[in-house]
N, C-alpha and C. Protein backbone atom coordinates (compact mmCIF):
# COMPACT_ATOMS: atom_id res chain seq x y z
N MET A 1 -4.18 -11.12 13.40
CA MET A 1 -2.63 -11.59 13.43
C MET A 1 -1.96 -10.82 14.49
N ILE A 2 -1.48 -12.00 15.57
CA ILE A 2 -0.74 -11.39 16.27
C ILE A 2 0.91 -11.18 15.79
N VAL A 3 1.20 -9.75 15.70
CA VAL A 3 2.47 -9.89 14.90
C VAL A 3 3.94 -9.95 16.28
N LYS A 4 4.68 -10.87 15.94
CA LYS A 4 5.47 -11.65 16.99
C LYS A 4 6.90 -10.66 16.32
N SER A 5 7.24 -11.01 15.41
CA SER A 5 8.59 -10.16 14.99
C SER A 5 8.30 -9.37 13.61
N ALA A 6 9.00 -8.48 13.04
CA ALA A 6 8.80 -7.64 11.78
C ALA A 6 10.16 -7.23 11.79
N GLU A 7 10.58 -7.29 10.45
CA GLU A 7 12.33 -6.74 10.47
C GLU A 7 12.41 -6.10 9.03
N LEU A 8 12.85 -5.26 8.47
CA LEU A 8 13.48 -4.69 6.89
C LEU A 8 14.34 -5.81 6.64
N GLU A 9 13.84 -6.57 5.58
CA GLU A 9 14.66 -8.07 5.42
C GLU A 9 15.59 -7.06 4.10
N THR A 10 14.82 -6.47 2.63
CA THR A 10 15.15 -6.27 1.50
C THR A 10 14.82 -5.03 1.06
N VAL A 11 16.14 -3.81 0.67
CA VAL A 11 15.74 -2.76 0.07
C VAL A 11 16.10 -2.57 -1.41
N CYS A 12 15.44 -2.52 -2.41
CA CYS A 12 15.38 -2.52 -3.72
C CYS A 12 15.45 -0.82 -4.06
N GLY A 13 16.87 -0.63 -4.85
CA GLY A 13 16.85 0.68 -5.37
C GLY A 13 16.25 0.67 -6.62
N ILE A 14 16.72 1.69 -7.43
CA ILE A 14 15.87 1.79 -8.82
C ILE A 14 16.82 0.93 -9.80
N THR A 15 18.13 0.75 -9.64
CA THR A 15 19.06 -0.82 -10.62
C THR A 15 19.05 -2.24 -9.62
N SER A 16 18.51 -2.40 -8.65
CA SER A 16 18.32 -3.69 -7.74
C SER A 16 17.31 -4.67 -8.58
N LYS A 17 17.50 -5.78 -8.23
CA LYS A 17 16.94 -7.34 -8.85
C LYS A 17 16.11 -7.26 -7.60
N LEU A 18 14.77 -7.58 -8.16
CA LEU A 18 13.61 -7.46 -6.91
C LEU A 18 13.91 -9.08 -6.31
N PRO A 19 13.79 -8.91 -5.22
CA PRO A 19 13.50 -10.86 -4.50
C PRO A 19 12.89 -11.49 -5.39
N ASP A 20 13.68 -13.05 -5.04
CA ASP A 20 12.61 -13.88 -5.17
C ASP A 20 11.89 -14.67 -4.12
N ASN A 21 11.10 -13.92 -3.50
CA ASN A 21 10.59 -14.12 -2.39
C ASN A 21 9.24 -15.11 -2.60
N GLU A 22 9.70 -16.18 -1.38
CA GLU A 22 8.45 -17.38 -2.01
C GLU A 22 7.22 -17.15 -0.55
N LEU A 23 7.05 -16.19 0.31
CA LEU A 23 6.55 -15.79 1.22
C LEU A 23 5.37 -14.49 0.54
N PRO A 24 4.14 -14.59 0.81
CA PRO A 24 2.96 -13.99 0.13
C PRO A 24 3.62 -12.26 0.38
N GLU A 25 2.90 -11.37 -0.50
CA GLU A 25 3.32 -9.87 -0.30
C GLU A 25 2.19 -8.88 -0.59
N ILE A 26 2.01 -8.21 0.36
CA ILE A 26 1.41 -7.35 0.69
C ILE A 26 1.70 -5.81 0.20
N ALA A 27 1.40 -5.21 -1.01
CA ALA A 27 2.19 -3.83 -1.04
C ALA A 27 0.77 -2.75 -0.71
N PHE A 28 1.99 -1.50 -0.23
CA PHE A 28 1.18 -0.53 0.02
C PHE A 28 1.62 0.89 -0.48
N ALA A 29 0.95 1.42 -1.85
CA ALA A 29 1.57 2.69 -2.36
C ALA A 29 0.30 3.59 -2.25
N GLY A 30 1.26 4.89 -2.72
CA GLY A 30 0.87 5.96 -2.29
C GLY A 30 1.48 7.09 -2.44
N LYS A 31 1.15 8.33 -2.74
CA LYS A 31 1.75 9.59 -2.94
C LYS A 31 2.68 9.85 -1.91
N SER A 32 3.36 10.61 -1.97
CA SER A 32 4.57 11.30 -0.75
C SER A 32 3.67 11.65 0.14
N ASN A 33 3.92 11.40 1.61
CA ASN A 33 3.53 11.92 2.68
C ASN A 33 2.39 11.74 2.69
N VAL A 34 1.57 10.90 2.53
CA VAL A 34 0.22 10.13 2.26
C VAL A 34 0.02 9.57 3.93
N GLY A 35 0.77 9.17 4.29
CA GLY A 35 1.31 8.33 5.69
C GLY A 35 1.07 6.58 5.38
N LYS A 36 1.91 6.22 4.67
CA LYS A 36 2.37 4.75 4.32
C LYS A 36 3.21 4.46 5.48
N SER A 37 4.29 5.51 5.88
CA SER A 37 5.14 4.56 7.03
C SER A 37 4.05 4.38 8.35
N SER A 38 3.59 5.65 8.37
CA SER A 38 2.64 5.15 9.70
C SER A 38 1.35 4.37 9.47
N LEU A 39 1.06 4.45 8.46
CA LEU A 39 -0.10 3.21 8.50
C LEU A 39 0.70 1.49 8.51
N ILE A 40 1.65 1.42 8.06
CA ILE A 40 2.65 0.30 8.41
C ILE A 40 3.04 -0.08 9.84
N ASN A 41 3.51 0.90 10.31
CA ASN A 41 3.94 1.03 11.57
C ASN A 41 2.43 1.00 12.79
N GLY A 42 1.36 1.58 12.46
CA GLY A 42 0.48 0.97 13.17
C GLY A 42 0.26 -0.10 12.68
N LEU A 43 -0.19 -0.93 12.07
CA LEU A 43 -0.33 -2.27 11.41
C LEU A 43 0.68 -3.01 12.28
N LEU A 44 1.75 -3.03 12.61
CA LEU A 44 2.71 -4.03 13.11
C LEU A 44 3.03 -3.68 14.77
N ASN A 45 2.11 -2.30 14.86
CA ASN A 45 2.11 -1.87 16.46
C ASN A 45 3.99 -1.61 16.83
N ARG A 46 4.22 -0.67 16.16
CA ARG A 46 5.73 -0.29 16.00
C ARG A 46 5.70 1.12 15.76
N LYS A 47 6.85 1.64 16.64
CA LYS A 47 6.89 3.07 16.26
C LYS A 47 7.72 3.74 15.14
N SER A 48 8.47 2.94 14.95
CA SER A 48 9.61 3.70 13.79
C SER A 48 9.98 2.23 13.39
N LEU A 49 9.34 1.30 12.75
CA LEU A 49 10.04 0.17 11.91
C LEU A 49 10.26 0.62 10.61
N ALA A 50 9.12 1.12 10.04
CA ALA A 50 8.72 2.28 8.90
C ALA A 50 9.12 3.76 9.40
N ARG A 51 10.49 4.34 8.35
CA ARG A 51 10.64 5.80 8.60
C ARG A 51 9.50 6.71 8.21
N THR A 52 9.23 7.57 9.12
CA THR A 52 8.17 8.26 8.74
C THR A 52 9.21 9.49 8.70
N SER A 53 8.89 10.83 7.75
CA SER A 53 9.64 11.86 7.82
C SER A 53 8.50 12.88 6.93
N ALA A 54 9.31 14.29 7.41
CA ALA A 54 8.38 15.41 7.31
C ALA A 54 8.90 15.58 5.95
N GLN A 55 9.73 15.33 5.47
CA GLN A 55 10.01 15.49 3.59
C GLN A 55 9.51 14.46 2.72
N PRO A 56 8.92 14.78 2.06
CA PRO A 56 8.11 13.98 1.30
C PRO A 56 8.90 13.66 -0.15
N GLY A 57 9.05 12.41 -0.67
CA GLY A 57 9.89 12.17 -1.57
C GLY A 57 11.23 11.31 -0.96
N LYS A 58 11.29 10.92 0.41
CA LYS A 58 12.18 10.78 0.81
C LYS A 58 12.27 9.20 0.85
N THR A 59 11.42 8.30 0.67
CA THR A 59 11.10 7.16 0.35
C THR A 59 11.39 6.74 -1.03
N GLN A 60 13.00 6.50 -1.51
CA GLN A 60 13.20 6.15 -2.80
C GLN A 60 13.31 4.63 -3.27
N THR A 61 13.15 3.80 -2.58
CA THR A 61 13.05 2.86 -2.72
C THR A 61 11.97 1.57 -2.44
N ILE A 62 11.95 0.55 -2.74
CA ILE A 62 11.37 -0.64 -2.04
C ILE A 62 11.65 -1.19 -0.95
N ASN A 63 10.92 -1.22 -0.11
CA ASN A 63 11.17 -1.72 1.29
C ASN A 63 10.78 -2.99 1.27
N PHE A 64 11.05 -4.75 1.60
CA PHE A 64 10.32 -5.75 2.10
C PHE A 64 10.30 -5.71 3.48
N TYR A 65 9.33 -5.75 4.30
CA TYR A 65 9.57 -6.10 5.74
C TYR A 65 8.82 -7.34 5.95
N ASN A 66 9.87 -8.42 6.69
CA ASN A 66 9.34 -9.57 6.80
C ASN A 66 8.91 -9.72 8.07
N ILE A 67 7.18 -10.80 8.24
CA ILE A 67 6.33 -10.50 9.17
C ILE A 67 6.35 -11.78 9.56
N ASN A 68 6.58 -11.88 10.83
CA ASN A 68 6.31 -13.34 11.55
C ASN A 68 6.98 -14.76 10.94
N LYS A 69 8.02 -14.19 9.68
CA LYS A 69 8.23 -15.21 8.67
C LYS A 69 7.16 -15.69 7.94
N GLU A 70 5.96 -15.25 8.20
CA GLU A 70 4.66 -15.65 7.06
C GLU A 70 4.73 -14.72 5.81
N LEU A 71 4.85 -13.60 6.22
CA LEU A 71 4.58 -12.60 4.79
C LEU A 71 5.29 -11.40 4.93
N TYR A 72 5.31 -10.81 3.57
CA TYR A 72 6.20 -9.12 3.43
C TYR A 72 5.18 -8.00 2.92
N PHE A 73 5.26 -7.35 3.81
CA PHE A 73 5.03 -5.94 3.96
C PHE A 73 5.92 -5.31 2.79
N VAL A 74 5.52 -4.66 1.52
CA VAL A 74 6.12 -4.37 0.86
C VAL A 74 5.80 -2.93 0.59
N ASP A 75 6.70 -1.80 0.92
CA ASP A 75 6.39 -0.62 0.75
C ASP A 75 7.04 0.30 -0.38
N LEU A 76 5.96 0.65 -1.07
CA LEU A 76 6.51 0.91 -2.56
C LEU A 76 6.92 2.28 -2.74
N PRO A 77 7.92 3.28 -3.43
CA PRO A 77 8.19 4.39 -3.33
C PRO A 77 6.93 5.32 -3.36
N GLY A 78 6.84 6.18 -2.42
CA GLY A 78 6.06 7.55 -2.45
C GLY A 78 6.07 8.41 -3.93
N TYR A 79 4.85 8.83 -4.52
CA TYR A 79 5.17 9.29 -5.66
C TYR A 79 4.36 10.33 -5.47
N GLY A 80 4.88 11.29 -7.25
CA GLY A 80 3.74 12.83 -7.28
C GLY A 80 4.91 13.90 -6.34
N TYR A 81 5.83 13.43 -5.75
CA TYR A 81 6.86 14.65 -5.26
C TYR A 81 7.54 15.56 -5.99
N ALA A 82 6.78 16.94 -6.23
CA ALA A 82 7.44 17.68 -7.17
C ALA A 82 8.95 18.20 -7.44
N LYS A 83 9.32 18.50 -5.84
CA LYS A 83 10.60 18.56 -5.89
C LYS A 83 12.28 17.49 -6.47
N VAL A 84 11.91 16.92 -6.91
CA VAL A 84 12.52 15.93 -7.68
C VAL A 84 12.79 15.73 -8.72
N SER A 85 13.62 15.60 -9.67
CA SER A 85 13.48 15.99 -11.46
C SER A 85 12.43 14.93 -12.06
N VAL A 86 12.09 15.31 -13.04
CA VAL A 86 11.39 14.57 -14.00
C VAL A 86 12.19 13.19 -13.78
N GLU A 87 13.06 13.56 -14.33
CA GLU A 87 13.67 11.89 -14.28
C GLU A 87 13.85 10.70 -13.33
N ILE A 88 14.15 11.39 -12.40
CA ILE A 88 13.67 10.48 -10.90
C ILE A 88 12.77 9.97 -10.98
N ARG A 89 11.63 11.38 -11.20
CA ARG A 89 10.02 10.50 -10.64
C ARG A 89 9.43 9.61 -11.67
N ALA A 90 10.21 9.91 -13.13
CA ALA A 90 9.92 8.67 -13.74
C ALA A 90 10.38 7.53 -13.33
N LYS A 91 11.81 7.54 -12.87
CA LYS A 91 12.21 5.81 -12.50
C LYS A 91 11.58 5.27 -11.22
N TRP A 92 11.03 6.16 -10.72
CA TRP A 92 10.32 5.68 -9.48
C TRP A 92 9.13 4.97 -10.06
N GLY A 93 8.35 5.53 -10.99
CA GLY A 93 7.44 5.21 -11.57
C GLY A 93 7.41 3.80 -12.15
N LYS A 94 8.65 3.93 -12.58
CA LYS A 94 9.30 2.30 -13.62
C LYS A 94 9.33 1.52 -12.35
N MET A 95 9.69 1.80 -11.12
CA MET A 95 10.13 1.04 -10.25
C MET A 95 8.96 0.21 -9.86
N ILE A 96 7.63 0.80 -9.45
CA ILE A 96 6.51 0.70 -8.98
C ILE A 96 6.23 -0.11 -10.17
N GLU A 97 5.98 0.20 -11.18
CA GLU A 97 5.35 -0.25 -12.58
C GLU A 97 6.12 -1.90 -12.44
N ASN A 98 6.99 -1.58 -12.72
CA ASN A 98 7.60 -3.54 -12.39
C ASN A 98 7.57 -4.05 -11.68
N TYR A 99 7.62 -3.57 -10.45
CA TYR A 99 6.93 -4.67 -9.16
C TYR A 99 5.73 -5.11 -9.61
N LEU A 100 4.70 -4.34 -9.47
CA LEU A 100 3.52 -5.17 -10.01
C LEU A 100 3.17 -5.87 -11.10
N HIS A 101 4.06 -5.87 -12.26
CA HIS A 101 4.24 -6.42 -13.43
C HIS A 101 4.74 -8.13 -13.09
N THR A 102 5.96 -7.73 -12.14
CA THR A 102 6.72 -8.98 -12.08
C THR A 102 6.63 -9.83 -10.75
N SER A 103 6.29 -9.24 -9.74
CA SER A 103 5.99 -10.12 -8.60
C SER A 103 4.98 -11.10 -8.45
N ALA A 104 5.68 -12.63 -8.27
CA ALA A 104 4.96 -13.60 -8.28
C ALA A 104 4.40 -13.95 -7.27
N GLN A 105 4.32 -13.27 -5.80
CA GLN A 105 3.94 -13.47 -4.43
C GLN A 105 2.56 -12.33 -4.33
N LEU A 106 2.79 -11.24 -4.99
CA LEU A 106 2.13 -10.44 -4.40
C LEU A 106 0.38 -10.77 -4.42
N LYS A 107 -0.08 -10.43 -2.88
CA LYS A 107 -1.35 -10.97 -3.28
C LYS A 107 -2.38 -9.93 -2.55
N LYS A 108 -2.16 -8.67 -2.58
CA LYS A 108 -3.28 -7.87 -2.59
C LYS A 108 -2.27 -6.30 -2.61
N VAL A 109 -2.92 -5.21 -2.52
CA VAL A 109 -2.52 -4.01 -3.28
C VAL A 109 -3.30 -2.93 -2.41
N PHE A 110 -2.97 -2.31 -1.22
CA PHE A 110 -3.28 -1.21 -0.75
C PHE A 110 -3.21 0.18 -1.49
N LEU A 111 -3.63 0.92 -1.57
CA LEU A 111 -3.37 2.33 -2.11
C LEU A 111 -4.03 3.65 -1.07
N LEU A 112 -3.11 4.18 -0.82
CA LEU A 112 -3.77 4.97 0.22
C LEU A 112 -3.69 6.44 -0.70
N ILE A 113 -5.09 6.88 -0.01
CA ILE A 113 -5.29 8.49 -0.54
C ILE A 113 -5.40 9.26 0.72
N ASP A 114 -5.07 10.77 0.68
CA ASP A 114 -5.44 11.49 1.73
C ASP A 114 -6.63 12.01 1.63
N ILE A 115 -7.76 11.03 3.33
CA ILE A 115 -9.16 11.59 2.75
C ILE A 115 -9.94 12.97 2.83
N ARG A 116 -8.27 14.08 3.10
CA ARG A 116 -8.66 15.40 3.03
C ARG A 116 -9.28 15.79 1.67
N HIS A 117 -8.36 15.29 0.78
CA HIS A 117 -8.13 16.12 -0.62
C HIS A 117 -8.55 15.28 -2.01
N ALA A 118 -9.44 15.40 -2.66
CA ALA A 118 -9.81 14.71 -3.47
C ALA A 118 -8.09 14.28 -4.42
N PRO A 119 -8.42 13.04 -4.88
CA PRO A 119 -7.31 12.41 -5.41
C PRO A 119 -6.61 13.11 -6.37
N SER A 120 -5.24 12.70 -6.58
CA SER A 120 -4.72 13.83 -7.67
C SER A 120 -4.51 13.18 -8.91
N GLU A 121 -4.18 13.43 -9.73
CA GLU A 121 -3.65 13.06 -11.34
C GLU A 121 -2.99 11.58 -10.93
N ASN A 122 -1.53 11.67 -9.86
CA ASN A 122 -1.07 11.03 -10.05
C ASN A 122 -1.35 9.40 -8.94
N ASP A 123 -2.23 9.76 -8.39
CA ASP A 123 -3.09 8.80 -7.66
C ASP A 123 -4.32 7.92 -8.75
N CYS A 124 -5.01 8.77 -9.42
CA CYS A 124 -5.85 8.06 -10.54
C CYS A 124 -4.87 7.40 -11.85
N LEU A 125 -3.55 7.69 -11.86
CA LEU A 125 -2.57 6.97 -12.47
C LEU A 125 -2.24 5.74 -11.63
N MET A 126 -1.67 5.98 -10.71
CA MET A 126 -1.53 4.80 -10.07
C MET A 126 -2.67 3.65 -9.60
N TYR A 127 -4.23 4.16 -9.45
CA TYR A 127 -5.41 3.16 -9.71
C TYR A 127 -5.25 2.67 -10.66
N ASP A 128 -5.26 3.10 -11.93
CA ASP A 128 -5.25 2.34 -13.23
C ASP A 128 -4.35 1.84 -13.56
N TRP A 129 -2.98 1.89 -13.07
CA TRP A 129 -1.81 0.83 -13.32
C TRP A 129 -1.95 -0.22 -12.87
N ILE A 130 -2.64 -0.07 -11.02
CA ILE A 130 -2.77 -1.39 -10.24
C ILE A 130 -4.17 -2.28 -11.09
N VAL A 131 -4.90 -1.76 -11.09
CA VAL A 131 -6.09 -2.02 -11.99
C VAL A 131 -5.92 -2.93 -12.99
N ASN A 132 -4.76 -2.15 -14.12
CA ASN A 132 -4.34 -2.98 -15.24
C ASN A 132 -3.41 -4.24 -15.32
N ASN A 133 -2.89 -4.69 -13.78
CA ASN A 133 -2.10 -5.45 -13.76
C ASN A 133 -2.68 -6.71 -13.12
N GLY A 134 -3.87 -6.56 -13.02
CA GLY A 134 -4.74 -7.75 -12.88
C GLY A 134 -5.20 -7.58 -11.27
N TYR A 135 -4.78 -6.59 -10.56
CA TYR A 135 -5.38 -6.53 -9.11
C TYR A 135 -6.40 -5.97 -8.83
N GLU A 136 -7.11 -6.02 -7.68
CA GLU A 136 -8.52 -5.24 -7.14
C GLU A 136 -7.35 -4.49 -6.09
N PRO A 137 -7.43 -3.35 -6.20
CA PRO A 137 -6.84 -2.65 -5.04
C PRO A 137 -7.55 -2.19 -4.02
N VAL A 138 -7.14 -2.21 -2.41
CA VAL A 138 -8.22 -1.63 -1.36
C VAL A 138 -7.87 -0.01 -1.16
N ILE A 139 -8.76 0.94 -1.03
CA ILE A 139 -8.33 2.12 -1.23
C ILE A 139 -8.31 2.53 0.45
N ILE A 140 -6.86 2.79 1.15
CA ILE A 140 -7.06 3.33 2.78
C ILE A 140 -7.17 4.71 2.38
N CYS A 141 -8.12 4.97 3.07
CA CYS A 141 -8.23 6.58 3.47
C CYS A 141 -8.03 7.25 4.31
N THR A 142 -6.71 7.89 4.68
CA THR A 142 -5.70 8.13 5.64
C THR A 142 -6.35 9.52 6.36
N LYS A 143 -5.62 9.67 7.15
CA LYS A 143 -5.61 11.36 8.04
C LYS A 143 -7.44 11.36 8.69
N LEU A 144 -7.56 10.11 8.37
CA LEU A 144 -9.23 10.23 9.28
C LEU A 144 -9.52 11.39 10.48
N ASP A 145 -8.58 11.09 11.33
CA ASP A 145 -8.87 12.17 12.48
C ASP A 145 -8.27 13.96 12.04
N LYS A 146 -8.22 14.01 10.83
CA LYS A 146 -7.75 15.30 10.44
C LYS A 146 -9.15 16.00 10.16
N ILE A 147 -10.55 15.22 9.98
CA ILE A 147 -11.31 15.78 9.44
C ILE A 147 -12.86 15.63 10.46
N LYS A 148 -13.52 16.82 10.10
CA LYS A 148 -14.68 16.67 10.85
C LYS A 148 -16.07 15.16 10.32
N ARG A 149 -15.89 14.22 11.56
CA ARG A 149 -17.37 13.44 11.39
C ARG A 149 -17.76 13.53 10.38
N SER A 150 -18.62 14.68 10.11
CA SER A 150 -19.54 14.83 9.20
C SER A 150 -19.39 15.08 7.98
N GLN A 151 -17.62 15.37 7.67
CA GLN A 151 -17.14 15.07 6.42
C GLN A 151 -16.93 13.76 5.57
N VAL A 152 -16.72 12.67 6.49
CA VAL A 152 -16.15 11.93 6.18
C VAL A 152 -16.85 10.89 4.87
N GLN A 153 -18.14 10.92 4.88
CA GLN A 153 -19.21 10.55 3.81
C GLN A 153 -18.64 11.44 2.81
N LYS A 154 -19.03 12.72 2.30
CA LYS A 154 -18.94 13.36 1.69
C LYS A 154 -17.09 13.26 0.61
N ASN A 155 -16.39 12.96 1.77
CA ASN A 155 -14.99 12.89 0.96
C ASN A 155 -14.45 11.77 0.48
N LEU A 156 -15.42 10.41 0.81
CA LEU A 156 -15.22 9.30 0.78
C LEU A 156 -15.61 9.61 -0.78
N LYS A 157 -16.52 9.69 -0.67
CA LYS A 157 -17.66 9.89 -2.10
C LYS A 157 -16.91 10.22 -3.34
N GLN A 158 -16.24 11.65 -2.82
CA GLN A 158 -15.41 12.47 -3.54
C GLN A 158 -14.26 11.43 -4.23
N ILE A 159 -13.68 10.93 -2.86
CA ILE A 159 -12.59 10.00 -3.68
C ILE A 159 -12.66 8.90 -4.80
N LYS A 160 -14.14 8.27 -4.35
CA LYS A 160 -14.63 7.06 -5.10
C LYS A 160 -14.98 7.46 -6.44
N GLU A 161 -15.41 8.90 -6.99
CA GLU A 161 -15.75 9.29 -7.92
C GLU A 161 -14.61 9.80 -9.05
N LYS A 162 -13.87 10.32 -7.97
CA LYS A 162 -12.60 10.89 -8.87
C LYS A 162 -11.72 9.84 -9.41
N LEU A 163 -11.37 8.49 -8.56
CA LEU A 163 -10.73 7.89 -9.10
C LEU A 163 -11.41 6.63 -9.98
N GLY A 164 -12.84 6.55 -10.02
CA GLY A 164 -13.37 5.93 -10.94
C GLY A 164 -13.10 4.59 -11.11
N LEU A 165 -13.45 4.61 -9.38
CA LEU A 165 -13.78 3.10 -8.76
C LEU A 165 -14.08 1.98 -9.34
N VAL A 166 -14.04 0.56 -9.40
CA VAL A 166 -14.13 0.06 -9.98
C VAL A 166 -15.88 -0.81 -8.82
N PRO A 167 -16.84 -0.68 -9.57
CA PRO A 167 -18.20 -1.46 -8.47
C PRO A 167 -17.61 -2.44 -7.37
N GLY A 168 -17.86 -2.35 -6.14
CA GLY A 168 -17.41 -3.39 -5.17
C GLY A 168 -16.14 -2.88 -4.77
N THR A 169 -15.41 -2.01 -5.30
CA THR A 169 -14.40 -1.61 -4.41
C THR A 169 -13.95 -1.33 -3.07
N ARG A 170 -13.23 -1.60 -1.69
CA ARG A 170 -13.41 -1.55 -0.50
C ARG A 170 -12.67 -0.30 -0.30
N MET A 171 -13.30 0.56 0.31
CA MET A 171 -12.71 1.83 0.68
C MET A 171 -12.56 1.89 2.44
N ILE A 172 -11.87 2.11 2.76
CA ILE A 172 -11.44 2.03 4.47
C ILE A 172 -10.39 3.36 5.12
N PRO A 173 -11.45 4.02 5.33
CA PRO A 173 -11.11 4.83 6.41
C PRO A 173 -10.16 4.68 7.71
N PHE A 174 -8.90 5.30 7.48
CA PHE A 174 -7.66 5.03 8.83
C PHE A 174 -7.40 5.87 9.36
N SER A 175 -7.19 5.95 10.60
CA SER A 175 -6.75 7.23 11.42
C SER A 175 -5.13 6.62 12.10
N ALA A 176 -4.14 7.13 11.76
CA ALA A 176 -3.04 6.48 12.32
C ALA A 176 -2.98 7.07 14.16
N LEU A 177 -3.60 7.89 14.28
CA LEU A 177 -3.84 8.63 15.68
C LEU A 177 -4.76 7.43 16.60
N THR A 178 -5.83 7.33 15.94
CA THR A 178 -7.05 6.08 16.72
C THR A 178 -7.02 4.87 16.51
N LYS A 179 -6.12 4.44 15.42
CA LYS A 179 -6.13 3.31 14.65
C LYS A 179 -7.55 2.88 13.90
N GLN A 180 -8.36 3.43 14.38
CA GLN A 180 -9.50 3.36 13.44
C GLN A 180 -9.31 2.76 11.82
N GLY A 181 -9.95 1.70 11.65
CA GLY A 181 -9.56 1.12 10.55
C GLY A 181 -8.43 -0.16 10.47
N LYS A 182 -7.89 -0.13 11.30
CA LYS A 182 -6.73 -1.42 11.40
C LYS A 182 -7.29 -2.71 11.53
N ASP A 183 -8.38 -2.76 12.05
CA ASP A 183 -8.81 -3.82 12.19
C ASP A 183 -9.30 -4.38 10.63
N ASP A 184 -10.10 -3.62 10.17
CA ASP A 184 -10.67 -3.89 8.84
C ASP A 184 -9.33 -4.35 8.19
N ILE A 185 -8.45 -3.75 8.16
CA ILE A 185 -7.23 -4.20 7.05
C ILE A 185 -7.07 -5.60 7.03
N TRP A 186 -6.12 -5.22 8.58
CA TRP A 186 -5.78 -6.97 9.02
C TRP A 186 -6.49 -7.99 8.59
N ASN A 187 -8.09 -7.73 8.80
CA ASN A 187 -8.52 -8.64 8.33
C ASN A 187 -9.15 -9.05 6.52
N LEU A 188 -8.85 -8.20 6.16
CA LEU A 188 -8.36 -8.17 4.61
C LEU A 188 -7.26 -8.94 3.97
N ILE A 189 -6.60 -8.72 4.70
CA ILE A 189 -4.88 -8.66 4.45
C ILE A 189 -4.87 -10.64 5.14
N GLU A 190 -5.67 -10.90 6.39
CA GLU A 190 -5.20 -12.55 6.61
C GLU A 190 -6.77 -13.19 5.55
N LEU A 191 -7.72 -12.16 4.91
CA LEU A 191 -8.47 -12.96 3.89
C LEU A 191 -7.95 -13.36 2.69
N SER A 192 -7.11 -12.57 2.34
CA SER A 192 -6.29 -12.86 1.20
C SER A 192 -5.19 -13.76 1.10
N LEU A 193 -4.69 -14.32 2.12
CA LEU A 193 -3.50 -14.87 2.78
C LEU A 193 -4.34 -16.21 2.74
N SER A 194 -5.71 -16.82 3.28
CA SER A 194 -6.00 -17.96 3.62
C SER A 194 -6.63 -18.33 1.75
N GLU A 195 -6.79 -17.21 0.85
CA GLU A 195 -7.19 -17.44 -0.53
C GLU A 195 -6.22 -18.09 -1.05
N SER A 196 -4.92 -17.26 -0.79
CA SER A 196 -3.91 -17.82 -1.25
C SER A 196 -3.33 -19.35 -1.02
N GLU A 197 -3.79 -19.51 0.00
CA GLU A 197 -3.37 -20.82 0.60
C GLU A 197 -4.31 -21.99 0.07
N ASP A 198 -5.50 -21.56 -0.18
CA ASP A 198 -6.41 -22.36 -1.16
C ASP A 198 -6.20 -22.52 -2.40
N ASP A 199 -5.66 -21.64 -2.81
CA ASP A 199 -5.44 -21.60 -4.39
C ASP A 199 -4.48 -22.74 -4.54
N ASP A 200 -3.17 -22.79 -3.55
CA ASP A 200 -2.09 -23.42 -3.63
C ASP A 200 -2.37 -24.59 -3.40
N SER A 201 -3.60 -25.24 -2.54
CA SER A 201 -3.99 -26.61 -2.46
C SER A 201 -4.88 -27.01 -3.61
N GLU A 202 -5.39 -26.46 -4.11
CA GLU A 202 -6.03 -26.57 -5.36
C GLU A 202 -5.01 -26.80 -6.62
N LEU A 203 -3.77 -26.30 -6.52
CA LEU A 203 -2.69 -26.64 -7.61
C LEU A 203 -2.62 -27.87 -7.18
N GLN A 204 -2.14 -28.14 -6.20
CA GLN A 204 -1.33 -29.37 -5.50
C GLN A 204 -2.19 -30.35 -5.78
N GLU A 205 -3.31 -30.68 -5.71
CA GLU A 205 -4.29 -31.46 -5.88
C GLU A 205 -4.65 -31.84 -7.66
N LYS A 206 -4.36 -30.99 -8.20
CA LYS A 206 -4.33 -30.73 -9.53
C LYS A 206 -2.98 -31.62 -10.40
């Protein structure tokens, strides 16, 4: 997809009502500082549309980015940051769970995991939430450029085993520096959009 326009359209806080969007939504989930903003900026060829921060836990909202007036990228709050209160962390979790449970337009969920480390308990919980809400998440293994090539397969296997991935789950190593994995991610996004259009056509025919 050629990105002609991308803008932050809606920001939802803990008490906000989620928007009734009519365009397809692609969601990005991951723990604080896993590289969600860098991934979104990389996919959109933007330097700072999604704000990156050296302070984990800064994203406390659900951010809806309108892409080409064709779809939304939905940036979910980073979870698992220890320096915020247990109460706030619980509210962020409820925000994410509520979105996954109620969005009528959500077509694909990408779960970001730092390829350098084994998934955390929060990562495993998030994966289970996504699956239990009826989605088949794609695992984006970020920070690929920060490990040696010889470590990649071993680390991917570790992530797969720790999350207990459903057989057939896609895993895509991604580097914000080299953009490796970018085309694979866009291919999956476009595939999910075309499948959505096919489903809509079938419903109209019925």
